[in-house]
C-alpha atoms as a PDB file:
ATOM      1  CA  MET A   1       0.205  -0.101  -0.095  1.00  0.00           C
ATOM      2  CA  LEU A   2       1.356   3.284  -0.721  1.00  0.00           C
ATOM      3  CA  HIS A   3       1.680   5.785   2.138  1.00  0.00           C
ATOM      4  CA  HIS A   4       2.103   9.053   0.295  1.00  0.00           C
ATOM      5  CA  VAL A   5       3.721  10.981  -2.625  1.00  0.00           C
ATOM      6  CA  GLU A   6       5.351  14.476  -2.154  1.00  0.00           C
ATOM      7  CA  ILE A   7       5.588  16.565  -5.042  1.00  0.00           C
ATOM      8  CA  ASN A   8       7.422  19.825  -4.860  1.00  0.00           C
ATOM      9  CA  ALA A   9       5.785  22.912  -6.641  1.00  0.00           C
ATOM     10  CA  SER A  10       7.145  25.824  -8.226  1.00  0.00           C
ATOM     11  CA  ASN A  11       4.108  27.964  -7.540  1.00  0.00           C
ATOM     12  CA  LEU A  12       2.340  26.642  -4.413  1.00  0.00           C
ATOM     13  CA  PRO A  13      -0.797  28.987  -4.798  1.00  0.00           C
ATOM     14  CA  ALA A  14      -1.281  27.786  -8.366  1.00  0.00           C
ATOM     15  CA  THR A  15      -0.898  24.166  -7.378  1.00  0.00           C
ATOM     16  CA  ARG A  16      -3.101  24.439  -4.223  1.00  0.00           C
ATOM     17  CA  GLU A  17      -6.011  26.030  -6.910  1.00  0.00           C
ATOM     18  CA  PHE A  18      -5.484  23.179  -9.361  1.00  0.00           C
ATOM     19  CA  TYR A  19      -5.630  20.623  -6.735  1.00  0.00           C
ATOM     20  CA  ASP A  20      -8.396  21.906  -4.725  1.00  0.00           C
ATOM     21  CA  ASP A  21     -10.273  21.846  -8.041  1.00  0.00           C
ATOM     22  CA  LEU A  22      -9.649  18.360  -8.973  1.00  0.00           C
ATOM     23  CA  LEU A  23      -8.823  15.922  -5.584  1.00  0.00           C
ATOM     24  CA  PRO A  24     -12.282  16.540  -3.848  1.00  0.00           C
ATOM     25  CA  ASP A  25     -14.033  15.177  -6.893  1.00  0.00           C
ATOM     26  CA  LEU A  26     -11.854  12.182  -6.673  1.00  0.00           C
ATOM     27  CA  GLY A  27     -12.673  11.333  -3.172  1.00  0.00           C
ATOM     28  CA  TYR A  28      -9.813  13.125  -1.664  1.00  0.00           C
ATOM     29  CA  GLU A  29     -10.331  15.417   1.259  1.00  0.00           C
ATOM     30  CA  LEU A  30      -7.774  18.366   2.539  1.00  0.00           C
ATOM     31  CA  TYR A  31      -5.866  16.983   5.070  1.00  0.00           C
ATOM     32  CA  GLN A  32      -2.903  19.327   6.164  1.00  0.00           C
ATOM     33  CA  GLU A  33      -2.008  22.692   5.522  1.00  0.00           C
ATOM     34  CA  TRP A  34       0.870  24.986   6.643  1.00  0.00           C
ATOM     35  CA  PRO A  35       2.863  27.954   5.080  1.00  0.00           C
ATOM     36  CA  ARG A  36       4.919  26.215   2.354  1.00  0.00           C
ATOM     37  CA  GLY A  37       2.558  23.211   1.756  1.00  0.00           C
ATOM     38  CA  PHE A  38      -0.784  21.051   1.892  1.00  0.00           C
ATOM     39  CA  SER A  39      -1.862  17.629   1.482  1.00  0.00           C
ATOM     40  CA  TYR A  40      -4.886  15.691   0.365  1.00  0.00           C
ATOM     41  CA  LYS A  41      -6.008  12.258   1.859  1.00  0.00           C
ATOM     42  CA  HIS A  42      -7.998   9.550   0.611  1.00  0.00           C
ATOM     43  CA  SER A  43      -8.144   6.363   2.764  1.00  0.00           C
ATOM     44  CA  SER A  44      -4.571   5.891   4.199  1.00  0.00           C
ATOM     45  CA  THR A  45      -2.803   7.316   1.133  1.00  0.00           C
ATOM     46  CA  TYR A  46      -2.115  11.092   1.023  1.00  0.00           C
ATOM     47  CA  LEU A  47      -0.459  13.542  -1.601  1.00  0.00           C
ATOM     48  CA  VAL A  48       1.861  16.063  -0.307  1.00  0.00           C
ATOM     49  CA  PHE A  49       2.346  19.464  -2.224  1.00  0.00           C
ATOM     50  CA  VAL A  50       5.521  21.621  -0.920  1.00  0.00           C
ATOM     51  CA  GLN A  51       6.828  24.884  -2.530  1.00  0.00           C
ATOM     52  CA  THR A  52      10.123  24.101  -4.129  1.00  0.00           C
ATOM     53  CA  GLU A  53      12.881  25.998  -2.394  1.00  0.00           C
ATOM     54  CA  ASN A  54      14.161  28.968  -4.138  1.00  0.00           C
ATOM     55  CA  GLU A  55      17.620  27.642  -4.745  1.00  0.00           C
ATOM     56  CA  PHE A  56      16.083  24.894  -7.005  1.00  0.00           C
ATOM     57  CA  LEU A  57      13.364  26.565  -8.729  1.00  0.00           C
ATOM     58  CA  HIS A  58      15.558  27.166 -11.759  1.00  0.00           C
ATOM     59  CA  ASN A  59      15.848  23.533 -12.264  1.00  0.00           C
ATOM     60  CA  GLY A  60      12.431  23.118 -13.301  1.00  0.00           C
ATOM     61  CA  TYR A  61      10.411  19.828 -14.028  1.00  0.00           C
ATOM     62  CA  ASN A  62      10.135  17.546 -17.176  1.00  0.00           C
ATOM     63  CA  ARG A  63       8.045  14.500 -17.052  1.00  0.00           C
ATOM     64  CA  LYS A  64      10.125  12.699 -19.586  1.00  0.00           C
ATOM     65  CA  ALA A  65      13.289  13.178 -17.678  1.00  0.00           C
ATOM     66  CA  THR A  66      14.345  10.675 -15.031  1.00  0.00           C
ATOM     67  CA  GLY A  67      11.761  10.800 -12.084  1.00  0.00           C
ATOM     68  CA  LEU A  68       8.105  11.037 -11.924  1.00  0.00           C
ATOM     69  CA  ASN A  69       5.879  10.901 -15.213  1.00  0.00           C
ATOM     70  CA  HIS A  70       2.441  11.100 -14.355  1.00  0.00           C
ATOM     71  CA  LEU A  71      -0.202  10.543 -11.836  1.00  0.00           C
ATOM     72  CA  ALA A  72      -3.146   8.534 -12.719  1.00  0.00           C
ATOM     73  CA  PHE A  73      -6.292   8.526 -10.633  1.00  0.00           C
ATOM     74  CA  HIS A  74      -9.392   6.063 -10.569  1.00  0.00           C
ATOM     75  CA  ALA A  75     -12.718   7.465 -11.772  1.00  0.00           C
ATOM     76  CA  LYS A  76     -15.991   6.004 -10.392  1.00  0.00           C
ATOM     77  CA  SER A  77     -17.546   5.832 -14.016  1.00  0.00           C
ATOM     78  CA  ARG A  78     -17.292   7.471 -17.650  1.00  0.00           C
ATOM     79  CA  GLN A  79     -19.613  10.047 -16.677  1.00  0.00           C
ATOM     80  CA  GLN A  80     -17.422  11.179 -14.074  1.00  0.00           C
ATOM     81  CA  VAL A  81     -14.390  11.558 -16.620  1.00  0.00           C
ATOM     82  CA  ASP A  82     -16.725  13.636 -18.714  1.00  0.00           C
ATOM     83  CA  GLU A  83     -17.631  15.728 -16.007  1.00  0.00           C
ATOM     84  CA  LEU A  84     -14.378  16.417 -14.964  1.00  0.00           C
ATOM     85  CA  THR A  85     -13.165  17.044 -18.717  1.00  0.00           C
ATOM     86  CA  GLY A  86     -15.787  19.738 -18.715  1.00  0.00           C
ATOM     87  CA  LYS A  87     -14.639  21.411 -15.623  1.00  0.00           C
ATOM     88  CA  MET A  88     -10.781  21.163 -16.436  1.00  0.00           C
ATOM     89  CA  ARG A  89     -11.824  22.878 -19.941  1.00  0.00           C
ATOM     90  CA  ARG A  90     -13.654  25.603 -18.314  1.00  0.00           C
ATOM     91  CA  LYS A  91     -10.929  26.109 -16.120  1.00  0.00           C
ATOM     92  CA  CYS A  92      -8.418  26.344 -19.030  1.00  0.00           C
ATOM     93  CA  VAL A  93      -6.570  23.489 -18.203  1.00  0.00           C
ATOM     94  CA  LYS A  94      -4.678  21.914 -21.169  1.00  0.00           C
ATOM     95  CA  VAL A  95      -6.311  18.419 -22.322  1.00  0.00           C
ATOM     96  CA  LEU A  96      -3.584  16.368 -23.587  1.00  0.00           C
ATOM     97  CA  TYR A  97      -4.072  14.337 -26.595  1.00  0.00           C
ATOM     98  CA  GLU A  98      -7.215  16.270 -27.473  1.00  0.00           C
ATOM     99  CA  ASP A  99      -7.288  14.565 -31.024  1.00  0.00           C
ATOM    100  CA  ARG A 100      -7.629  10.934 -29.470  1.00  0.00           C
ATOM    101  CA  HIS A 101      -9.822  11.808 -26.131  1.00  0.00           C
ATOM    102  CA  PRO A 102     -11.147  10.203 -24.310  1.00  0.00           C
ATOM    103  CA  PHE A 103      -9.515   6.934 -25.943  1.00  0.00           C
ATOM    104  CA  ALA A 104      -5.748   8.152 -26.155  1.00  0.00           C
ATOM    105  CA  GLY A 105      -4.961   4.983 -24.133  1.00  0.00           C
ATOM    106  CA  GLY A 106      -6.686   2.817 -26.301  1.00  0.00           C
ATOM    107  CA  SER A 107     -10.013   1.776 -27.524  1.00  0.00           C
ATOM    108  CA  HIS A 108     -11.150   0.214 -24.298  1.00  0.00           C
ATOM    109  CA  TYR A 109      -9.232   2.453 -22.088  1.00  0.00           C
ATOM    110  CA  TYR A 110     -11.605   5.834 -21.305  1.00  0.00           C
ATOM    111  CA  ALA A 111      -9.664   8.391 -19.665  1.00  0.00           C
ATOM    112  CA  LEU A 112      -8.734  12.131 -19.381  1.00  0.00           C
ATOM    113  CA  PHE A 113      -5.273  13.286 -19.602  1.00  0.00           C
ATOM    114  CA  ILE A 114      -4.400  16.817 -18.466  1.00  0.00           C
ATOM    115  CA  GLU A 115      -1.540  19.003 -17.714  1.00  0.00           C
ATOM    116  CA  GLY A 116      -1.408  20.361 -14.365  1.00  0.00           C
ATOM    117  CA  PRO A 117       1.024  22.826 -12.456  1.00  0.00           C
ATOM    118  CA  ASP A 118       4.646  22.706 -13.539  1.00  0.00           C
ATOM    119  CA  ARG A 119       3.367  20.233 -16.599  1.00  0.00           C
ATOM    120  CA  LEU A 120       2.822  17.180 -14.546  1.00  0.00           C
ATOM    121  CA  LYS A 121       0.524  15.070 -16.514  1.00  0.00           C
ATOM    122  CA  ILE A 122      -2.724  13.831 -14.691  1.00  0.00           C
ATOM    123  CA  GLU A 123      -4.673  11.066 -15.795  1.00  0.00           C
ATOM    124  CA  ILE A 124      -8.287  10.109 -14.533  1.00  0.00           C
ATOM    125  CA  VAL A 125      -9.335   6.620 -15.647  1.00  0.00           C
ATOM    126  CA  ALA A 126     -12.772   5.166 -15.663  1.00  0.00           C
ATOM    127  CA  PRO A 127     -13.266   1.533 -14.941  1.00  0.00           C
ATOM    128  CA  GLU A 128     -13.775  -0.830 -17.764  1.00  0.00           C
END
């Protein structure tokens, strides 16, 4: 069982706004908050977001480099994927693979792929 994942963010307020809009819809609840970070929890697993220290901001993030590529979450249904797609589009969040959406992962893989803060790929997958 995964305990937690901690992600450094270049812009904590923008990261907070993004995940405040997304994670509660996926069953996560705000768990902790402090001046340089916050976390969301679902069951016994939680996600932690912390402001990157100034001395490391110039390094940036690229999901194609070594390290974390993306986060994938379970959706309750295809309808939830569709609802989140609409919500993210209204928030001007970049939908990835738009030309193949919602089947970018294959003909039996119904999902939303979006680009979150710092260009981290987020995937929301409907059950088959």
